[in-house]
Protein backbone atom coordinates (compact mmCIF):
# COMPACT_ATOMS: atom_id res chain seq x y z
CA UNK A 1 -0.22 -0.09 -0.16
CA UNK A 2 1.59 3.14 -1.14
CA UNK A 3 2.17 5.95 2.02
CA UNK A 4 3.59 9.54 3.00
CA UNK A 5 5.81 8.75 5.70
CA UNK A 6 5.82 6.28 8.00
CA UNK A 7 9.18 4.95 7.28
CA UNK A 8 12.13 3.74 9.46
CA UNK A 9 14.62 6.10 10.76
CA UNK A 10 13.06 8.85 9.02
CA UNK A 11 13.13 12.56 10.12
CA UNK A 12 10.64 14.49 9.50
CA UNK A 13 10.64 18.10 10.94
CA UNK A 14 7.60 21.06 10.07
CA UNK A 15 8.00 24.52 11.63
CA UNK A 16 5.47 26.41 12.90
CA UNK A 17 4.09 29.00 10.42
CA UNK A 18 4.35 31.21 12.91
CA UNK A 19 8.61 31.12 13.00
CA UNK A 20 8.96 32.49 9.55
CA UNK A 21 6.18 34.57 9.30
CA UNK A 22 6.68 36.83 12.24
CA UNK A 23 11.02 36.73 11.43
CA UNK A 24 13.13 39.75 10.72
CA UNK A 25 13.91 40.80 7.76
CA UNK A 26 17.19 38.99 6.90
CA UNK A 27 15.34 35.54 8.24
CA UNK A 28 12.56 36.54 5.72
CA UNK A 29 14.69 36.84 2.72
CA UNK A 30 15.66 32.59 3.02
CA UNK A 31 14.50 30.17 5.49
CA UNK A 32 13.54 26.63 6.11
CA UNK A 33 9.94 25.59 7.10
CA UNK A 34 10.16 22.02 6.12
CA UNK A 35 13.02 19.59 5.93
CA UNK A 36 13.58 15.63 6.53
CA UNK A 37 15.16 12.32 5.46
CA UNK A 38 13.78 9.10 4.29
CA UNK A 39 16.53 6.47 4.42
CA UNK A 40 14.50 3.71 2.52
CA UNK A 41 10.87 4.48 1.65
CA UNK A 42 9.45 2.01 0.13
CA UNK A 43 6.22 2.51 -1.78
CA UNK A 44 5.94 6.30 -0.88
CA UNK A 45 3.12 8.05 -2.38
CA UNK A 46 2.72 12.21 -1.73
CA UNK A 47 0.29 14.34 -3.62
CA UNK A 48 -0.42 17.93 -2.83
CA UNK A 49 -3.72 19.22 -5.22
CA UNK A 50 -3.30 23.04 -3.89
CA UNK A 51 0.97 22.20 -4.38
CA UNK A 52 3.06 24.35 -1.04
CA UNK A 53 4.24 27.75 0.12
CA UNK A 54 7.36 27.35 -0.57
CA UNK A 55 9.57 25.70 -3.32
CA UNK A 56 10.01 21.76 -2.50
CA UNK A 57 13.60 20.23 -3.56
CA UNK A 58 13.69 16.28 -3.29
CA UNK A 59 17.64 14.89 -3.24
CA UNK A 60 17.32 10.96 -4.73
CA UNK A 61 20.36 9.32 -2.63
CA UNK A 62 19.70 5.85 -3.67
CA UNK A 63 16.94 4.07 -5.53
CA UNK A 64 14.89 5.82 -7.94
CA UNK A 65 10.86 7.08 -7.91
CA UNK A 66 8.86 9.91 -10.24
CA UNK A 67 7.54 12.93 -9.99
CA UNK A 68 4.67 15.08 -11.74
CA UNK A 69 4.05 18.94 -12.21
CA UNK A 70 3.15 21.39 -14.84
CA UNK A 71 1.13 18.31 -16.75
CA UNK A 72 5.13 16.51 -17.21
CA UNK A 73 5.92 13.36 -15.54
CA UNK A 74 9.83 12.75 -15.26
CA UNK A 75 11.89 9.45 -13.81
CA UNK A 76 14.25 10.50 -11.30
CA UNK A 77 17.48 8.22 -9.99
CA UNK A 78 19.91 8.34 -8.04
CA UNK A 79 22.17 11.87 -7.36
CA UNK A 80 19.52 13.93 -9.05
CA UNK A 81 17.68 16.80 -7.80
CA UNK A 82 14.80 18.25 -8.03
CA UNK A 83 12.41 21.63 -7.23
CA UNK A 84 9.17 22.26 -7.33
CA UNK A 85 8.00 25.87 -7.56
CA UNK A 86 6.00 26.92 -4.63
CA UNK A 87 2.10 26.95 -5.27
CA UNK A 88 2.44 24.40 -8.21
CA UNK A 89 0.21 20.96 -7.64
CA UNK A 90 2.78 17.67 -7.89
CA UNK A 91 2.40 14.38 -6.98
CA UNK A 92 5.87 11.81 -6.59
CA UNK A 93 6.36 8.97 -4.96
CA UNK A 94 8.13 5.35 -5.92
CA UNK A 95 7.82 3.14 -7.96
CA UNK A 96 5.28 -0.09 -7.34
CA UNK A 97 7.36 -2.07 -5.62
CA UNK A 98 9.67 0.11 -5.60
CA UNK A 99 12.06 2.28 -3.12
CA UNK A 100 14.14 5.84 -2.78
CA UNK A 101 16.48 7.26 0.09
CA UNK A 102 14.92 10.59 0.11
CA UNK A 103 16.02 14.27 1.33
CA UNK A 104 14.21 16.85 0.53
CA UNK A 105 13.90 20.90 2.00
CA UNK A 106 10.97 23.05 1.82
CA UNK A 107 12.45 27.00 1.57
CA UNK A 108 11.04 30.06 1.49
CA UNK A 109 11.93 34.14 1.39
CA UNK A 110 12.86 36.81 -0.65
CA UNK A 111 15.73 35.37 -2.41
CA UNK A 112 14.28 31.61 -2.67
CA UNK A 113 13.21 31.89 -6.27
CA UNK A 114 16.68 32.69 -7.04
CA UNK A 115 17.72 30.17 -5.57
CA UNK A 116 15.39 28.00 -7.37
CA UNK A 117 16.84 29.23 -10.66
CA UNK A 118 20.65 29.46 -10.00
CA UNK A 119 20.59 25.49 -8.50
CA UNK A 120 18.01 24.60 -11.44
CA UNK A 121 19.52 26.48 -14.24
CA UNK A 122 19.02 24.96 -17.75
CA UNK A 123 16.83 21.98 -17.19
CA UNK A 124 13.93 24.23 -16.04
CA UNK A 125 11.42 21.67 -14.13
CA UNK A 126 13.55 18.78 -15.17
CA UNK A 127 15.47 16.41 -12.69
CA UNK A 128 18.88 18.32 -12.39
CA UNK A 129 22.72 15.77 -11.66
CA UNK A 130 23.29 16.41 -7.94
CA UNK A 131 25.59 13.89 -6.26
CA UNK A 132 24.70 15.08 -2.62
CA UNK A 133 28.02 15.62 -0.56
CA UNK A 134 29.09 15.03 2.49
CA UNK A 135 29.92 18.62 3.21
CA UNK A 136 26.12 19.42 2.42
CA UNK A 137 24.97 16.50 3.56
CA UNK A 138 26.97 17.83 7.32
CA UNK A 139 25.52 20.68 7.13
CA UNK A 140 21.73 19.39 6.68
CA UNK A 141 22.06 17.46 9.50
CA UNK A 142 23.32 20.58 11.89
CA UNK A 143 19.69 21.76 10.48
CA UNK A 144 18.04 19.40 11.31
CA UNK A 145 19.56 18.96 14.86
CA UNK A 146 19.01 22.69 14.49
CA UNK A 147 15.36 22.27 14.67
CA UNK A 148 15.00 19.43 16.45
CA UNK A 149 13.61 18.87 20.44
CA UNK A 150 12.05 22.42 19.95
CA UNK A 151 12.33 25.25 17.98
CA UNK A 152 13.42 28.43 19.63
CA UNK A 153 14.29 31.48 17.81
CA UNK A 154 17.71 31.29 18.27
CA UNK A 155 17.55 27.75 17.13
CA UNK A 156 15.98 28.95 14.20
CA UNK A 157 18.02 31.99 13.07
CA UNK A 158 20.91 29.13 13.35
CA UNK A 159 18.91 26.84 11.20
CA UNK A 160 18.38 29.69 8.58
CA UNK A 161 22.14 30.59 8.58
CA UNK A 162 22.73 27.15 8.21
CA UNK A 163 20.45 27.05 4.97
CA UNK A 164 22.54 29.29 3.72
CA UNK A 165 25.31 27.71 3.57
CA UNK A 166 23.49 24.62 2.54
CA UNK A 167 22.83 26.32 -0.19
CA UNK A 168 25.89 27.42 -0.92
CA UNK A 169 27.82 23.89 -1.53
CA UNK A 170 24.65 22.43 -2.80
CA UNK A 171 26.06 24.90 -5.82
CA UNK A 172 29.61 23.04 -5.98
CA UNK A 173 27.90 19.60 -5.60
CA UNK A 174 25.63 21.25 -8.30
CA UNK A 175 28.83 22.02 -10.46
CA UNK A 176 30.12 18.69 -9.59
CA UNK A 177 26.76 16.52 -10.97
CA UNK A 178 27.48 19.15 -14.67
CA UNK A 179 30.78 17.70 -14.92
CA UNK A 180 29.80 14.34 -14.46
CA UNK A 181 27.30 14.51 -16.91
CA UNK A 182 29.57 16.40 -19.58
CA UNK A 183 31.69 13.10 -18.90
CA UNK A 184 28.47 10.98 -19.48
CA UNK A 185 28.70 12.82 -22.99
CA UNK A 186 31.95 12.33 -23.66
CA UNK A 187 32.06 8.11 -22.96
CA UNK A 188 28.79 7.76 -25.21
CA UNK A 189 30.32 9.78 -28.38
CA UNK A 190 33.62 7.33 -27.98
CA UNK A 191 30.51 4.17 -27.74
CA UNK A 192 29.15 5.40 -30.94
CA UNK A 193 32.98 6.06 -32.23
CA UNK A 194 33.25 2.07 -31.88
CA UNK A 195 30.16 1.33 -32.97
CA UNK A 196 29.89 3.18 -35.92
CA UNK A 197 29.56 -0.20 -37.71
CA UNK A 198 27.18 -1.86 -35.82
CA UNK A 199 23.64 -1.21 -34.51
CA UNK A 200 23.37 0.17 -30.69
CA UNK A 201 20.25 1.09 -28.76
CA UNK A 202 19.00 3.83 -26.21
CA UNK A 203 18.67 1.09 -23.70
CA UNK A 204 22.13 -0.21 -24.28
CA UNK A 205 23.99 3.28 -23.74
CA UNK A 206 22.02 4.60 -20.72
CA UNK A 207 23.52 1.69 -19.08
CA UNK A 208 26.44 2.03 -19.80
CA UNK A 209 26.21 5.42 -18.42
CA UNK A 210 24.51 4.97 -15.23
CA UNK A 211 21.55 7.11 -16.67
CA UNK A 212 18.08 6.75 -17.70
CA UNK A 213 16.76 6.78 -20.98
CA UNK A 214 14.75 10.30 -20.83
CA UNK A 215 17.29 12.10 -18.85
CA UNK A 216 20.19 10.62 -21.11
CA UNK A 217 17.72 11.62 -23.95
CA UNK A 218 17.09 14.79 -22.29
CA UNK A 219 20.81 16.12 -21.60
CA UNK A 220 21.80 14.48 -25.16
CA UNK A 221 19.19 17.39 -26.71
CA UNK A 222 21.06 20.38 -24.71
CA UNK A 223 24.36 19.30 -25.78
CA UNK A 224 24.31 18.50 -29.87
CA UNK A 225 21.05 19.42 -30.79
CA UNK A 226 19.59 15.73 -31.27
CA UNK A 227 18.42 12.69 -29.53
CA UNK A 228 21.74 9.56 -28.78
CA UNK A 229 20.33 7.78 -31.07
CA UNK A 230 19.35 10.39 -33.93
CA UNK A 231 22.96 12.01 -33.00
CA UNK A 232 24.33 8.03 -33.77
CA UNK A 233 22.49 7.74 -37.19
CA UNK A 234 23.98 10.97 -37.87
CA UNK A 235 28.06 10.01 -37.84
CA UNK A 236 27.07 7.35 -39.86
CA UNK A 237 25.99 9.04 -42.26
CA UNK A 238 28.81 11.02 -42.17
CA UNK A 239 31.26 8.22 -42.12
CA UNK A 240 29.30 6.74 -45.34
CA UNK A 241 29.79 10.63 -46.67
CA UNK A 242 33.70 9.92 -46.27
CA UNK A 243 33.47 6.52 -48.14
CA UNK A 244 31.23 7.36 -50.67
CA UNK A 245 33.67 10.82 -51.74
CA UNK A 246 36.77 8.47 -51.35
CA UNK A 247 36.03 4.92 -53.03
CA UNK A 248 34.30 3.45 -55.43
CA UNK A 249 32.13 1.12 -52.95
CA UNK A 250 28.89 -0.03 -53.84
CA UNK A 251 25.73 1.73 -52.33
CA UNK A 252 25.03 -1.45 -50.42
CA UNK A 253 28.68 -2.09 -49.28
CA UNK A 254 29.23 1.49 -48.06
CA UNK A 255 25.75 0.73 -45.75
CA UNK A 256 27.23 -2.67 -44.35
CA UNK A 257 30.08 -0.57 -43.34
CA UNK A 258 27.99 1.41 -41.45
CA UNK A 259 26.24 -0.89 -38.89
CA UNK A 260 22.95 -0.88 -41.92
CA UNK A 261 22.20 -4.16 -43.39
CA UNK A 262 18.92 -2.50 -45.74
CA UNK A 263 19.83 0.07 -48.23
CA UNK A 264 16.99 0.39 -48.96
CA UNK A 265 17.15 1.95 -45.43
CA UNK A 266 20.04 3.75 -45.01
CA UNK A 267 19.00 5.58 -48.39
CA UNK A 268 15.84 7.32 -46.50
CA UNK A 269 17.83 8.23 -43.58
CA UNK A 270 20.81 9.22 -46.26
CA UNK A 271 18.60 11.31 -48.05
CA UNK A 272 17.10 12.83 -44.89
CA UNK A 273 20.17 13.64 -43.25
CA UNK A 274 21.75 14.92 -46.61
CA UNK A 275 18.90 16.15 -48.96
CA UNK A 276 19.96 13.49 -51.91
CA UNK A 277 19.94 10.35 -52.15
CA UNK A 278 23.29 8.25 -51.69
CA UNK A 279 24.08 7.72 -55.49
CA UNK A 280 23.12 11.35 -56.21
CA UNK A 281 25.17 12.90 -53.86
CA UNK A 282 28.08 10.50 -55.26
CA UNK A 283 27.70 11.94 -58.39
CA UNK A 284 27.13 16.11 -57.35
CA UNK A 285 30.70 15.58 -55.18
CA UNK A 286 32.39 14.12 -58.73
């Protein structure tokens, strides 16, 4: 049965609204309203038809899950995070029979939108790479410690001060995640080059770089303008152009050399990308 909470060793802290509604001008810039951690949440499901008053950031450090908001569906896995804007209805959870380990924090304030934008970057609503580093985990734990066993004004001020520190540490984690994403793209391109004379599926590529197919497609389009398989096909056609230019091999032989056994299919792809069939391309070059 799906459930919202009640998991072993969970941490859930909800800050009474008067703590941030009546706080001073400094706290009003950025404050925490909820924070928590599920070490292992099985059959988790949370639905908020009215959204939240605060920004909702969730960091996945194990397992996988999914999110729906703004009429979009996203899958999320380890070392990814998502931020759902305040006031937006959303639903999220684990897949049937699945589990995940998540950290979350609800934050608000005059600077909250800028914080959200700086962390999400070009990824917009989608999950983004965020390895949750040890420094960030330590600060997260300190914020929880500040808010456990009763919330006094002094303890809440301390928690919000640490929240600024946490956001800075997460930005460093975010840069590390971007570097890892860049490394994944480079690895995919290397795999494509080595497999240029054979077939390659999206599932194979995503498994090689430990990413979901959905996320790899999104990342590839951001970096290259094309999906992984479309980019692979374009690499094949580029190789075919070289063979057509430099050799006298038959069209079917060229097709075979780039891993396409059906010459008619090869001709269709070639024409779509190059604008003319391979035979006409060869004649034009001459």
